[in-house]
């Protein structure tokens, strides 16, 4: 019975870490998106450059969730 409790705790910790990483990634993507929209609103001519930088920032934020999924 003690082994099952330990395995359940390990599984819970792994899923909890994945949930925290996913939440952090979602917040990061949201922040990048909102700031990109603000920047385009201030300078519409720089749309292409802002789009590239925004996509890069979102990809880096999402990478955290993928790391947690693979390691967890």
N, C-alpha and C. Protein backbone atom coordinates (compact mmCIF):
# COMPACT_ATOMS: atom_id res chain seq x y z
N UNK A 1 0.83 -1.20 0.00
CA UNK A 1 0.00 0.00 0.00
C UNK A 1 0.87 1.26 0.00
N UNK A 2 1.98 1.21 0.70
CA UNK A 2 2.86 2.37 0.77
C UNK A 2 3.45 2.71 -0.61
N UNK A 3 3.75 1.69 -1.40
CA UNK A 3 4.31 1.91 -2.74
C UNK A 3 3.30 2.60 -3.64
N UNK A 4 2.02 2.22 -3.52
CA UNK A 4 0.99 2.86 -4.34
C UNK A 4 0.83 4.33 -3.96
N UNK A 5 0.94 4.63 -2.69
CA UNK A 5 0.84 6.01 -2.23
C UNK A 5 2.00 6.83 -2.78
N UNK A 6 3.19 6.25 -2.78
CA UNK A 6 4.36 6.95 -3.29
C UNK A 6 4.23 7.19 -4.79
N UNK A 7 3.74 6.21 -5.52
CA UNK A 7 3.56 6.37 -6.96
C UNK A 7 2.50 7.42 -7.27
N UNK A 8 1.45 7.46 -6.47
CA UNK A 8 0.41 8.47 -6.67
C UNK A 8 0.97 9.86 -6.40
N UNK A 9 1.82 10.00 -5.40
CA UNK A 9 2.43 11.29 -5.10
C UNK A 9 3.35 11.74 -6.22
N UNK A 10 4.11 10.80 -6.77
CA UNK A 10 5.01 11.14 -7.87
C UNK A 10 4.21 11.58 -9.09
N UNK A 11 3.14 10.86 -9.39
CA UNK A 11 2.30 11.22 -10.53
C UNK A 11 1.66 12.58 -10.33
N UNK A 12 1.19 12.85 -9.11
CA UNK A 12 0.58 14.15 -8.83
C UNK A 12 1.60 15.27 -9.00
N UNK A 13 2.81 15.07 -8.50
CA UNK A 13 3.84 16.11 -8.62
C UNK A 13 4.18 16.38 -10.07
N UNK A 14 4.27 15.34 -10.89
CA UNK A 14 4.57 15.53 -12.30
C UNK A 14 3.45 16.31 -13.00
N UNK A 15 2.21 15.95 -12.71
CA UNK A 15 1.10 16.65 -13.34
C UNK A 15 0.98 18.09 -12.84
N UNK A 16 1.29 18.29 -11.57
CA UNK A 16 1.26 19.65 -11.02
C UNK A 16 2.32 20.52 -11.68
N UNK A 17 3.52 19.98 -11.88
CA UNK A 17 4.58 20.73 -12.55
C UNK A 17 4.18 21.07 -13.98
N UNK A 18 3.54 20.14 -14.66
CA UNK A 18 3.09 20.39 -16.03
C UNK A 18 2.00 21.47 -16.05
N UNK A 19 1.13 21.45 -15.07
CA UNK A 19 0.08 22.48 -14.99
C UNK A 19 0.68 23.86 -14.74
N UNK A 20 1.67 23.95 -13.88
CA UNK A 20 2.32 25.23 -13.60
C UNK A 20 3.05 25.73 -14.85
N UNK A 21 3.77 24.82 -15.54
CA UNK A 21 4.48 25.21 -16.76
C UNK A 21 3.50 25.66 -17.84
N UNK A 22 2.39 24.96 -17.98
CA UNK A 22 1.38 25.35 -18.96
C UNK A 22 0.76 26.70 -18.66
N UNK A 23 0.52 26.94 -17.39
CA UNK A 23 -0.03 28.25 -16.98
C UNK A 23 0.96 29.36 -17.27
N UNK A 24 2.23 29.12 -16.96
CA UNK A 24 3.25 30.13 -17.24
C UNK A 24 3.39 30.40 -18.72
N UNK A 25 3.34 29.35 -19.52
CA UNK A 25 3.43 29.52 -20.97
C UNK A 25 2.23 30.30 -21.50
N UNK A 26 1.05 30.01 -20.99
CA UNK A 26 -0.15 30.72 -21.44
C UNK A 26 -0.08 32.20 -21.08
N UNK A 27 0.40 32.48 -19.89
CA UNK A 27 0.54 33.89 -19.48
C UNK A 27 1.57 34.58 -20.37
N UNK A 28 2.69 33.90 -20.65
CA UNK A 28 3.73 34.48 -21.50
C UNK A 28 3.23 34.77 -22.90
N UNK A 29 2.50 33.84 -23.49
CA UNK A 29 1.97 34.03 -24.84
C UNK A 29 0.96 35.18 -24.84
N UNK A 30 0.14 35.25 -23.82
CA UNK A 30 -0.82 36.34 -23.72
C UNK A 30 -0.15 37.70 -23.61
N UNK A 31 0.91 37.76 -22.83
CA UNK A 31 1.63 39.03 -22.69
C UNK A 31 2.30 39.44 -23.99
N UNK A 32 2.93 38.49 -24.67
CA UNK A 32 3.58 38.80 -25.95
C UNK A 32 2.54 39.27 -26.95
N UNK A 33 1.40 38.58 -27.02
CA UNK A 33 0.35 38.97 -27.96
C UNK A 33 -0.21 40.35 -27.68
N UNK A 34 -0.45 40.64 -26.41
CA UNK A 34 -1.02 41.95 -26.08
C UNK A 34 -0.04 43.08 -26.37
N UNK A 35 1.23 42.85 -26.07
CA UNK A 35 2.22 43.90 -26.34
C UNK A 35 2.44 44.07 -27.84
N UNK A 36 2.35 42.99 -28.61
CA UNK A 36 2.48 43.10 -30.06
C UNK A 36 1.33 43.92 -30.64
N UNK A 37 0.13 43.69 -30.15
CA UNK A 37 -1.02 44.46 -30.62
C UNK A 37 -0.86 45.94 -30.27
N UNK A 38 -0.37 46.22 -29.06
CA UNK A 38 -0.12 47.61 -28.66
C UNK A 38 0.92 48.26 -29.57
N UNK A 39 1.99 47.50 -29.88
CA UNK A 39 3.05 48.06 -30.71
C UNK A 39 2.56 48.34 -32.12
N UNK A 40 1.75 47.45 -32.68
CA UNK A 40 1.20 47.68 -34.02
C UNK A 40 0.24 48.86 -33.99
N UNK A 41 -0.48 49.02 -32.91
CA UNK A 41 -1.37 50.17 -32.79
C UNK A 41 -0.61 51.49 -32.77
N UNK A 42 0.57 51.48 -32.17
CA UNK A 42 1.37 52.69 -32.12
C UNK A 42 2.11 52.95 -33.43
N UNK A 43 2.54 51.87 -34.10
CA UNK A 43 3.33 52.02 -35.33
C UNK A 43 2.88 50.96 -36.34
N UNK A 44 1.82 51.21 -37.08
CA UNK A 44 1.31 50.21 -38.03
C UNK A 44 2.30 49.84 -39.13
N UNK A 45 3.23 50.71 -39.44
CA UNK A 45 4.20 50.44 -40.49
C UNK A 45 5.19 49.34 -40.14
N UNK A 46 5.34 49.06 -38.87
CA UNK A 46 6.29 48.05 -38.42
C UNK A 46 5.62 46.70 -38.18
N UNK A 47 4.47 46.50 -38.82
CA UNK A 47 3.70 45.28 -38.58
C UNK A 47 4.52 44.01 -38.83
N UNK A 48 5.23 43.96 -39.95
CA UNK A 48 5.98 42.75 -40.31
C UNK A 48 7.05 42.41 -39.29
N UNK A 49 7.81 43.40 -38.87
CA UNK A 49 8.87 43.18 -37.88
C UNK A 49 8.29 42.77 -36.53
N UNK A 50 7.22 43.40 -36.14
CA UNK A 50 6.58 43.07 -34.86
C UNK A 50 6.01 41.66 -34.90
N UNK A 51 5.46 41.26 -36.04
CA UNK A 51 4.92 39.92 -36.19
C UNK A 51 6.01 38.86 -36.00
N UNK A 52 7.14 39.07 -36.63
CA UNK A 52 8.25 38.11 -36.51
C UNK A 52 8.73 38.02 -35.07
N UNK A 53 8.94 39.15 -34.44
CA UNK A 53 9.42 39.15 -33.06
C UNK A 53 8.37 38.55 -32.13
N UNK A 54 7.09 38.83 -32.38
CA UNK A 54 6.02 38.26 -31.57
C UNK A 54 5.95 36.75 -31.69
N UNK A 55 6.07 36.24 -32.90
CA UNK A 55 6.04 34.79 -33.09
C UNK A 55 7.22 34.13 -32.40
N UNK A 56 8.38 34.74 -32.50
CA UNK A 56 9.57 34.21 -31.80
C UNK A 56 9.35 34.20 -30.29
N UNK A 57 8.82 35.27 -29.76
CA UNK A 57 8.57 35.34 -28.32
C UNK A 57 7.55 34.31 -27.86
N UNK A 58 6.52 34.10 -28.66
CA UNK A 58 5.51 33.09 -28.31
C UNK A 58 6.09 31.69 -28.37
N UNK A 59 6.93 31.43 -29.36
CA UNK A 59 7.54 30.11 -29.47
C UNK A 59 8.45 29.82 -28.28
N UNK A 60 9.19 30.81 -27.84
CA UNK A 60 10.06 30.62 -26.68
C UNK A 60 9.25 30.41 -25.40
N UNK A 61 8.13 31.10 -25.28
CA UNK A 61 7.28 30.90 -24.11
C UNK A 61 6.64 29.52 -24.12
N UNK A 62 6.22 29.06 -25.30
CA UNK A 62 5.61 27.74 -25.41
C UNK A 62 6.62 26.63 -25.17
N UNK A 63 7.88 26.88 -25.44
CA UNK A 63 8.91 25.86 -25.25
C UNK A 63 8.97 25.38 -23.80
N UNK A 64 8.64 26.25 -22.87
CA UNK A 64 8.66 25.87 -21.46
C UNK A 64 7.64 24.76 -21.20
N UNK A 65 6.47 24.88 -21.79
CA UNK A 65 5.45 23.85 -21.61
C UNK A 65 5.89 22.53 -22.23
N UNK A 66 6.55 22.59 -23.37
CA UNK A 66 7.03 21.36 -24.01
C UNK A 66 8.12 20.70 -23.18
N UNK A 67 9.02 21.50 -22.62
CA UNK A 67 10.05 20.93 -21.75
C UNK A 67 9.41 20.20 -20.57
N UNK A 68 8.43 20.80 -19.97
CA UNK A 68 7.76 20.17 -18.82
C UNK A 68 7.03 18.90 -19.24
N UNK A 69 6.43 18.90 -20.43
CA UNK A 69 5.73 17.71 -20.89
C UNK A 69 6.69 16.56 -21.15
N UNK A 70 7.84 16.85 -21.71
CA UNK A 70 8.80 15.80 -22.03
C UNK A 70 9.52 15.30 -20.78
N UNK A 71 9.77 16.19 -19.84
CA UNK A 71 10.50 15.79 -18.63
C UNK A 71 9.58 15.21 -17.56
N UNK A 72 8.30 15.54 -17.63
CA UNK A 72 7.35 15.12 -16.60
C UNK A 72 6.74 13.80 -16.81
